[in-house]
């Protein structure tokens, strides 16, 4: 398996990304080639720092980086030698099976959509994020690729999310919920109501509207929403998880007795922290493009970068894109004719 990594993308690139790549080749023997795309001297310095000389790593030099404030579409045209652009081209040429980037999400989406194109039957790509609950994992799509979605896009997200849930997460018959402000059928704005009607007649295992608390109390396997709402929810959940552990630490250290109790419960705290840690999930697939693209968090640690590479390998191994194409074909073949 061959993976292209945008070595210059992210808040702590290339340091954390290169270190994560080194961890990946050390742990995953089925990586045949790992391309590190970016500034050669900087990448070489980081490989030397982590004492990695694995022959499966190959540096692909690029001279430009897309900065966070840049317009995604303009960056495709004006920065033809960007690290994300060159990484995407490796997949386009068939030299790599997947891309991982912790850089500018918009630039990753734009480069992937323009250069790789979309899968048949898909009009907009969507970022699928895996969330933990007490009883299961669920996929939320879209988490920010398409902030101006149309109702039919959400229907396509539901199909893609179901495919990912079934083939990667292992749920035999995933249920689908539409994120709204109430569980009743008539709740939501006009956009949500229109999506509800499409989903109801889709043939998917549609459970109806789900509210925010349903996600963790009465979980479904696939949650569908527009990219604007999904991105706000994702970042809010990440911030809340971080804040809760900081509050907990603050309270535990208030008294000696609490400190003792905290030590006794240390294993439980670590288990929960690992369950909600961004590092463990690594990255999120951009579903719908004709290639495997993994979007990692901008502040990815080396462990997160390593796990984002793993997520890319899983998507390739489970043939996510061929399954999406197959399901979309079935969906349109059985859709009622106008």
Protein backbone atom coordinates (compact mmCIF):
# COMPACT_ATOMS: atom_id res chain seq x y z
CA UNK A 1 0.00 0.00 0.00
CA UNK A 2 1.30 3.45 -0.93
CA UNK A 3 0.33 6.59 1.02
CA UNK A 4 1.04 10.23 0.14
CA UNK A 5 1.44 12.56 3.14
CA UNK A 6 1.24 16.34 3.00
CA UNK A 7 4.29 16.84 5.22
CA UNK A 8 3.91 20.64 5.34
CA UNK A 9 0.22 20.75 6.34
CA UNK A 10 -0.71 21.45 9.94
CA UNK A 11 0.04 23.72 12.87
CA UNK A 12 3.13 21.71 13.82
CA UNK A 13 4.33 20.62 10.39
CA UNK A 14 6.63 19.23 9.30
CA UNK A 15 7.79 18.15 12.79
CA UNK A 16 4.71 16.23 13.98
CA UNK A 17 3.73 14.96 10.53
CA UNK A 18 7.15 13.51 9.75
CA UNK A 19 7.40 11.94 13.22
CA UNK A 20 3.93 10.44 12.73
CA UNK A 21 5.03 9.04 9.37
CA UNK A 22 8.04 7.46 11.04
CA UNK A 23 5.75 5.87 13.64
CA UNK A 24 3.51 4.57 10.85
CA UNK A 25 6.25 2.80 8.89
CA UNK A 26 7.57 1.31 12.13
CA UNK A 27 4.14 -0.08 13.09
CA UNK A 28 2.49 -0.96 9.76
CA UNK A 29 4.43 -3.53 7.77
CA UNK A 30 1.95 -3.43 4.88
CA UNK A 31 3.03 0.11 3.92
CA UNK A 32 5.01 -0.43 0.72
CA UNK A 33 5.78 3.24 0.15
CA UNK A 34 5.16 6.42 2.11
CA UNK A 35 5.63 9.65 0.18
CA UNK A 36 6.44 12.72 2.27
CA UNK A 37 5.55 15.73 0.14
CA UNK A 38 7.10 19.09 0.99
CA UNK A 39 10.35 20.95 1.46
CA UNK A 40 13.14 18.38 1.21
CA UNK A 41 15.69 19.94 3.61
CA UNK A 42 13.08 20.38 6.35
CA UNK A 43 11.76 16.84 5.94
CA UNK A 44 15.26 15.36 5.91
CA UNK A 45 16.08 17.25 9.11
CA UNK A 46 12.99 15.85 10.85
CA UNK A 47 13.72 12.29 9.69
CA UNK A 48 17.23 12.66 11.07
CA UNK A 49 15.82 13.99 14.37
CA UNK A 50 13.62 10.93 14.87
CA UNK A 51 16.39 8.62 13.57
CA UNK A 52 14.27 7.22 10.77
CA UNK A 53 16.00 5.94 7.65
CA UNK A 54 13.33 3.49 6.49
CA UNK A 55 13.72 2.90 2.75
CA UNK A 56 9.97 2.85 2.28
CA UNK A 57 9.88 6.61 2.87
CA UNK A 58 10.38 8.72 -0.22
CA UNK A 59 10.51 12.51 -0.23
CA UNK A 60 8.68 14.35 -3.01
CA UNK A 61 9.88 17.93 -3.11
CA UNK A 62 7.44 20.83 -3.34
CA UNK A 63 8.16 24.52 -2.90
CA UNK A 64 4.82 25.92 -1.71
CA UNK A 65 2.46 25.59 1.25
CA UNK A 66 -1.19 26.68 1.39
CA UNK A 67 -1.56 28.93 4.42
CA UNK A 68 -4.69 28.85 6.57
CA UNK A 69 -6.00 32.25 5.45
CA UNK A 70 -5.80 31.56 1.73
CA UNK A 71 -8.78 31.04 -0.56
CA UNK A 72 -9.02 27.28 -1.30
CA UNK A 73 -9.95 27.60 -4.98
CA UNK A 74 -7.37 30.28 -5.69
CA UNK A 75 -4.71 28.15 -4.02
CA UNK A 76 -5.32 25.37 -6.58
CA UNK A 77 -4.66 27.79 -9.45
CA UNK A 78 -1.94 29.96 -7.92
CA UNK A 79 0.02 27.38 -5.93
CA UNK A 80 0.53 24.57 -8.40
CA UNK A 81 3.58 23.34 -6.46
CA UNK A 82 1.88 23.20 -3.05
CA UNK A 83 2.48 20.16 -0.85
CA UNK A 84 -1.23 19.25 -0.79
CA UNK A 85 -1.53 19.70 -4.55
CA UNK A 86 1.46 17.46 -5.25
CA UNK A 87 0.19 14.84 -2.80
CA UNK A 88 -3.19 14.73 -4.57
CA UNK A 89 -1.45 14.39 -7.93
CA UNK A 90 0.35 11.26 -6.72
CA UNK A 91 -3.06 9.62 -6.28
CA UNK A 92 -4.31 11.01 -9.58
CA UNK A 93 -1.32 9.43 -11.37
CA UNK A 94 -1.86 6.12 -9.59
CA UNK A 95 1.44 6.34 -7.73
CA UNK A 96 -0.26 6.45 -4.30
CA UNK A 97 -3.43 4.81 -2.96
CA UNK A 98 -4.39 7.51 -0.45
CA UNK A 99 -3.57 11.03 0.77
CA UNK A 100 -3.32 12.33 4.32
CA UNK A 101 -3.21 16.04 5.14
CA UNK A 102 -3.49 18.02 8.39
CA UNK A 103 -3.26 21.30 6.51
CA UNK A 104 -5.84 23.70 5.10
CA UNK A 105 -9.07 21.65 4.91
CA UNK A 106 -10.55 23.80 2.16
CA UNK A 107 -7.42 23.42 0.04
CA UNK A 108 -7.48 19.64 0.54
CA UNK A 109 -11.14 19.49 -0.48
CA UNK A 110 -10.65 21.81 -3.48
CA UNK A 111 -7.53 20.03 -4.78
CA UNK A 112 -9.12 16.61 -4.34
CA UNK A 113 -12.44 17.57 -5.94
CA UNK A 114 -10.87 19.36 -8.92
CA UNK A 115 -8.03 16.94 -9.62
CA UNK A 116 -9.56 13.60 -8.66
CA UNK A 117 -13.19 14.47 -9.52
CA UNK A 118 -16.22 12.99 -7.78
CA UNK A 119 -17.51 9.44 -7.77
CA UNK A 120 -20.46 8.66 -10.08
CA UNK A 121 -23.74 9.82 -8.54
CA UNK A 122 -22.06 12.14 -6.01
CA UNK A 123 -22.47 15.90 -6.38
CA UNK A 124 -20.55 17.08 -3.30
CA UNK A 125 -17.93 15.43 -1.11
CA UNK A 126 -18.45 15.22 2.64
CA UNK A 127 -16.13 14.76 5.61
CA UNK A 128 -17.12 11.77 7.74
CA UNK A 129 -16.13 12.00 11.42
CA UNK A 130 -16.33 9.06 13.84
CA UNK A 131 -17.74 9.86 17.29
CA UNK A 132 -17.76 7.54 20.32
CA UNK A 133 -20.76 6.88 22.56
CA UNK A 134 -21.13 4.55 25.54
CA UNK A 135 -22.52 1.79 23.32
CA UNK A 136 -21.26 2.35 19.79
CA UNK A 137 -19.45 4.55 17.29
CA UNK A 138 -21.35 6.74 14.88
CA UNK A 139 -20.37 8.59 11.72
CA UNK A 140 -21.34 12.23 11.29
CA UNK A 141 -21.28 13.55 7.73
CA UNK A 142 -20.66 16.33 6.65
CA UNK A 143 -18.25 17.89 9.15
CA UNK A 144 -17.19 20.83 7.03
CA UNK A 145 -16.41 20.04 3.40
CA UNK A 146 -19.58 21.65 2.03
CA UNK A 147 -21.08 24.45 4.16
CA UNK A 148 -23.73 25.32 1.54
CA UNK A 149 -25.27 21.89 1.03
CA UNK A 150 -28.51 21.19 -0.82
CA UNK A 151 -31.06 18.58 0.27
CA UNK A 152 -29.94 16.03 -2.34
CA UNK A 153 -26.36 16.32 -1.07
CA UNK A 154 -27.45 15.18 2.39
CA UNK A 155 -29.19 12.20 0.85
CA UNK A 156 -25.93 11.25 -0.85
CA UNK A 157 -24.10 11.77 2.46
CA UNK A 158 -26.50 9.29 4.06
CA UNK A 159 -25.63 6.65 1.47
CA UNK A 160 -21.89 7.27 1.81
CA UNK A 161 -22.03 7.34 5.60
CA UNK A 162 -23.93 4.06 5.61
CA UNK A 163 -21.28 2.47 3.37
CA UNK A 164 -18.48 3.65 5.67
CA UNK A 165 -20.33 2.49 8.78
CA UNK A 166 -20.99 -0.91 7.26
CA UNK A 167 -17.64 -1.69 5.67
CA UNK A 168 -15.16 0.09 7.96
CA UNK A 169 -16.88 0.24 11.36
CA UNK A 170 -18.56 -3.14 10.89
CA UNK A 171 -22.27 -2.35 11.44
CA UNK A 172 -24.36 -4.79 9.43
CA UNK A 173 -27.42 -2.58 8.99
CA UNK A 174 -26.59 0.99 10.09
CA UNK A 175 -29.44 3.30 11.02
CA UNK A 176 -29.47 6.89 9.79
CA UNK A 177 -30.62 10.01 11.63
CA UNK A 178 -31.04 13.59 10.41
CA UNK A 179 -29.67 16.17 12.85
CA UNK A 180 -32.45 18.58 13.77
CA UNK A 181 -33.88 20.60 16.66
CA UNK A 182 -36.48 18.00 17.62
CA UNK A 183 -37.22 14.32 17.12
CA UNK A 184 -40.75 14.88 15.76
CA UNK A 185 -41.21 14.58 12.00
CA UNK A 186 -42.27 18.19 11.53
CA UNK A 187 -39.39 19.79 13.43
CA UNK A 188 -36.63 21.82 11.79
CA UNK A 189 -36.29 24.60 9.24
CA UNK A 190 -37.54 24.30 5.65
CA UNK A 191 -34.21 22.85 4.51
CA UNK A 192 -34.30 20.09 7.15
CA UNK A 193 -37.94 19.30 6.40
CA UNK A 194 -37.11 18.88 2.71
CA UNK A 195 -34.20 16.57 3.54
CA UNK A 196 -36.48 14.59 5.87
CA UNK A 197 -38.92 13.87 3.02
CA UNK A 198 -36.10 12.72 0.75
CA UNK A 199 -34.65 10.48 3.44
CA UNK A 200 -38.03 9.02 4.36
CA UNK A 201 -38.50 7.69 0.84
CA UNK A 202 -34.86 6.70 0.29
CA UNK A 203 -34.97 3.03 1.23
CA UNK A 204 -32.26 3.63 3.81
CA UNK A 205 -32.80 2.56 7.43
CA UNK A 206 -33.92 6.07 8.31
CA UNK A 207 -34.80 6.60 11.98
CA UNK A 208 -35.98 10.18 11.50
CA UNK A 209 -34.79 13.35 13.16
CA UNK A 210 -32.23 13.15 15.96
CA UNK A 211 -31.47 15.93 18.42
CA UNK A 212 -28.09 16.78 19.89
CA UNK A 213 -28.62 14.69 23.02
CA UNK A 214 -29.85 11.74 20.93
CA UNK A 215 -26.39 11.40 19.44
CA UNK A 216 -24.98 10.13 22.71
CA UNK A 217 -28.09 8.86 24.55
CA UNK A 218 -30.00 7.10 21.75
CA UNK A 219 -27.31 6.76 19.14
CA UNK A 220 -27.75 5.90 15.48
CA UNK A 221 -24.85 4.71 13.35
CA UNK A 222 -24.97 7.55 10.79
CA UNK A 223 -25.85 11.19 11.48
CA UNK A 224 -26.41 13.48 8.51
CA UNK A 225 -26.19 17.27 8.46
CA UNK A 226 -24.85 20.15 6.36
CA UNK A 227 -21.18 21.02 6.60
CA UNK A 228 -21.75 24.29 8.46
CA UNK A 229 -23.70 22.62 11.28
CA UNK A 230 -21.43 19.57 11.31
CA UNK A 231 -18.26 21.60 11.66
CA UNK A 232 -19.69 23.68 14.50
CA UNK A 233 -20.78 20.50 16.28
CA UNK A 234 -17.40 18.80 15.77
CA UNK A 235 -15.40 21.69 17.17
CA UNK A 236 -17.83 22.21 20.05
CA UNK A 237 -17.57 18.56 21.07
CA UNK A 238 -13.78 18.64 20.87
CA UNK A 239 -13.63 21.79 22.99
CA UNK A 240 -16.10 20.42 25.55
CA UNK A 241 -14.19 17.14 25.92
CA UNK A 242 -10.97 19.07 26.54
CA UNK A 243 -12.66 21.44 29.00
CA UNK A 244 -14.23 18.62 31.04
CA UNK A 245 -10.86 16.98 31.66
CA UNK A 246 -9.35 20.32 32.64
CA UNK A 247 -12.24 20.97 35.07
CA UNK A 248 -11.89 17.46 36.47
CA UNK A 249 -8.14 17.88 37.00
CA UNK A 250 -8.73 21.21 38.73
CA UNK A 251 -11.29 19.71 41.14
CA UNK A 252 -9.21 16.60 41.91
CA UNK A 253 -6.22 18.68 42.96
CA UNK A 254 -8.23 20.76 45.40
CA UNK A 255 -7.82 18.39 48.39
CA UNK A 256 -5.42 15.57 49.38
CA UNK A 257 -8.32 13.11 49.67
CA UNK A 258 -9.47 13.85 46.15
CA UNK A 259 -5.91 13.37 44.89
CA UNK A 260 -5.87 9.88 46.42
CA UNK A 261 -9.23 9.10 44.82
CA UNK A 262 -7.94 10.45 41.52
CA UNK A 263 -4.96 8.10 41.65
CA UNK A 264 -7.25 5.15 42.35
CA UNK A 265 -9.45 6.10 39.36
CA UNK A 266 -6.53 6.97 37.09
CA UNK A 267 -7.12 3.96 34.84
CA UNK A 268 -10.78 4.88 34.31
CA UNK A 269 -9.90 8.49 33.52
CA UNK A 270 -7.31 7.38 30.99
CA UNK A 271 -9.75 4.98 29.32
CA UNK A 272 -12.31 7.75 28.86
CA UNK A 273 -9.66 10.21 27.68
CA UNK A 274 -8.44 7.72 25.08
CA UNK A 275 -12.02 7.11 23.95
CA UNK A 276 -12.61 10.80 23.17
CA UNK A 277 -9.06 11.64 22.08
CA UNK A 278 -8.58 13.09 18.61
CA UNK A 279 -5.21 11.33 18.57
CA UNK A 280 -6.81 7.87 18.58
CA UNK A 281 -9.11 8.56 15.63
CA UNK A 282 -6.39 10.31 13.65
CA UNK A 283 -8.23 11.64 10.64
CA UNK A 284 -11.52 11.75 8.82
CA UNK A 285 -12.19 10.48 5.29
CA UNK A 286 -13.40 12.91 2.64
CA UNK A 287 -16.07 10.69 1.11
CA UNK A 288 -17.26 11.17 -2.45
CA UNK A 289 -14.02 11.99 -4.27
CA UNK A 290 -12.49 9.47 -6.67
CA UNK A 291 -9.58 8.69 -4.39
CA UNK A 292 -8.95 8.13 -0.69
CA UNK A 293 -8.39 11.46 1.07
CA UNK A 294 -7.93 11.72 4.83
CA UNK A 295 -8.33 15.07 6.60
CA UNK A 296 -6.43 15.25 9.90
CA UNK A 297 -6.74 17.85 12.66
CA UNK A 298 -4.57 20.92 12.17
CA UNK A 299 -2.99 20.48 15.59
CA UNK A 300 -2.28 16.77 15.04
CA UNK A 301 0.30 15.17 17.30
CA UNK A 302 2.67 12.52 15.89
CA UNK A 303 0.28 9.84 17.20
CA UNK A 304 -2.67 11.51 15.46
CA UNK A 305 -0.71 11.73 12.20
CA UNK A 306 0.19 8.03 12.45
CA UNK A 307 -3.45 7.09 13.05
CA UNK A 308 -4.62 9.31 10.20
CA UNK A 309 -2.36 7.28 7.92
CA UNK A 310 -3.95 4.14 9.38
CA UNK A 311 -7.44 5.46 8.58
CA UNK A 312 -6.33 5.94 4.97
CA UNK A 313 -5.07 2.37 4.79
CA UNK A 314 -8.33 1.06 6.25
CA UNK A 315 -10.37 2.92 3.65
CA UNK A 316 -8.24 1.44 0.86
CA UNK A 317 -8.33 -2.05 2.35
CA UNK A 318 -12.11 -2.02 2.81
CA UNK A 319 -12.62 -0.65 -0.73
CA UNK A 320 -14.80 2.19 0.47
CA UNK A 321 -15.03 3.95 -2.90
CA UNK A 322 -16.05 0.90 -4.97
CA UNK A 323 -18.74 0.18 -2.36
CA UNK A 324 -19.99 3.78 -2.56
CA UNK A 325 -20.21 3.55 -6.36
CA UNK A 326 -22.10 0.26 -6.08
CA UNK A 327 -24.55 1.61 -3.49
CA UNK A 328 -25.18 4.83 -5.43
CA UNK A 329 -25.94 2.81 -8.55
CA UNK A 330 -28.40 0.63 -6.62
CA UNK A 331 -29.93 3.72 -5.08
CA UNK A 332 -30.57 5.46 -8.41
CA UNK A 333 -31.70 2.23 -10.12
CA UNK A 334 -34.45 1.86 -7.48
CA UNK A 335 -35.30 5.53 -7.07
CA UNK A 336 -38.81 6.47 -8.18
CA UNK A 337 -38.84 8.01 -11.65
CA UNK A 338 -40.16 11.56 -11.99
